[in-house]
């Protein structure tokens, strides 16, 4: 809840786990701290970028 997004860590962890299980992100152990993880978009996740951009542009309309 202290992050800029104001999201509880358990909710964030659940959403990241769902995205990982669906193949949109890949989870990796951080190089600097083994108890920390980083996430990156997979090819499947990158394929969604044009769609997300269009939705973002359409939203304010």
Protein backbone atom coordinates (compact mmCIF):
# COMPACT_ATOMS: atom_id res chain seq x y z
CA UNK A 1 0.00 0.00 0.00
CA UNK A 2 3.01 2.30 0.27
CA UNK A 3 3.72 2.18 -3.45
CA UNK A 4 2.57 4.88 -5.84
CA UNK A 5 -0.14 2.53 -7.12
CA UNK A 6 -1.58 2.01 -3.59
CA UNK A 7 -2.02 -1.71 -4.25
CA UNK A 8 -1.81 -4.32 -1.52
CA UNK A 9 1.12 -6.70 -2.03
CA UNK A 10 -1.09 -9.81 -1.91
CA UNK A 11 -3.29 -8.42 -4.69
CA UNK A 12 -0.26 -7.49 -6.79
CA UNK A 13 1.30 -10.93 -6.25
CA UNK A 14 -1.97 -12.60 -7.27
CA UNK A 15 -2.26 -10.54 -10.46
CA UNK A 16 1.37 -11.16 -11.40
CA UNK A 17 0.93 -14.89 -10.79
CA UNK A 18 -2.12 -14.88 -13.08
CA UNK A 19 -0.23 -13.01 -15.81
CA UNK A 20 2.67 -15.44 -15.45
CA UNK A 21 0.42 -18.51 -15.62
CA UNK A 22 -1.20 -17.14 -18.79
CA UNK A 23 2.21 -16.54 -20.38
CA UNK A 24 2.10 -12.73 -20.53
CA UNK A 25 5.05 -12.13 -18.17
CA UNK A 26 8.10 -14.11 -17.07
CA UNK A 27 9.33 -14.05 -13.47
CA UNK A 28 13.06 -13.92 -12.78
CA UNK A 29 15.14 -13.72 -9.60
CA UNK A 30 16.71 -10.27 -9.29
CA UNK A 31 20.46 -10.17 -9.76
CA UNK A 32 21.05 -7.96 -6.71
CA UNK A 33 18.79 -9.72 -4.17
CA UNK A 34 17.69 -13.36 -4.32
CA UNK A 35 14.47 -12.69 -2.39
CA UNK A 36 13.39 -10.11 -4.98
CA UNK A 37 11.81 -10.88 -8.34
CA UNK A 38 11.60 -8.96 -11.58
CA UNK A 39 9.01 -9.46 -14.30
CA UNK A 40 9.35 -8.94 -18.02
CA UNK A 41 6.88 -9.15 -20.85
CA UNK A 42 7.05 -12.28 -22.96
CA UNK A 43 6.43 -12.31 -26.71
CA UNK A 44 2.76 -12.95 -25.94
CA UNK A 45 2.71 -9.92 -23.63
CA UNK A 46 4.47 -7.74 -26.19
CA UNK A 47 1.88 -8.74 -28.80
CA UNK A 48 -0.75 -6.96 -26.66
CA UNK A 49 0.99 -3.57 -26.70
CA UNK A 50 -0.71 -2.25 -29.87
CA UNK A 51 -4.11 -3.25 -28.48
CA UNK A 52 -3.42 -1.63 -25.10
CA UNK A 53 -2.24 1.55 -26.81
CA UNK A 54 -5.45 1.74 -28.85
CA UNK A 55 -7.59 1.18 -25.74
CA UNK A 56 -5.63 3.90 -23.91
CA UNK A 57 -6.23 6.33 -26.78
CA UNK A 58 -9.90 5.36 -27.04
CA UNK A 59 -10.61 5.63 -23.28
CA UNK A 60 -10.79 9.43 -22.97
CA UNK A 61 -13.21 9.63 -25.89
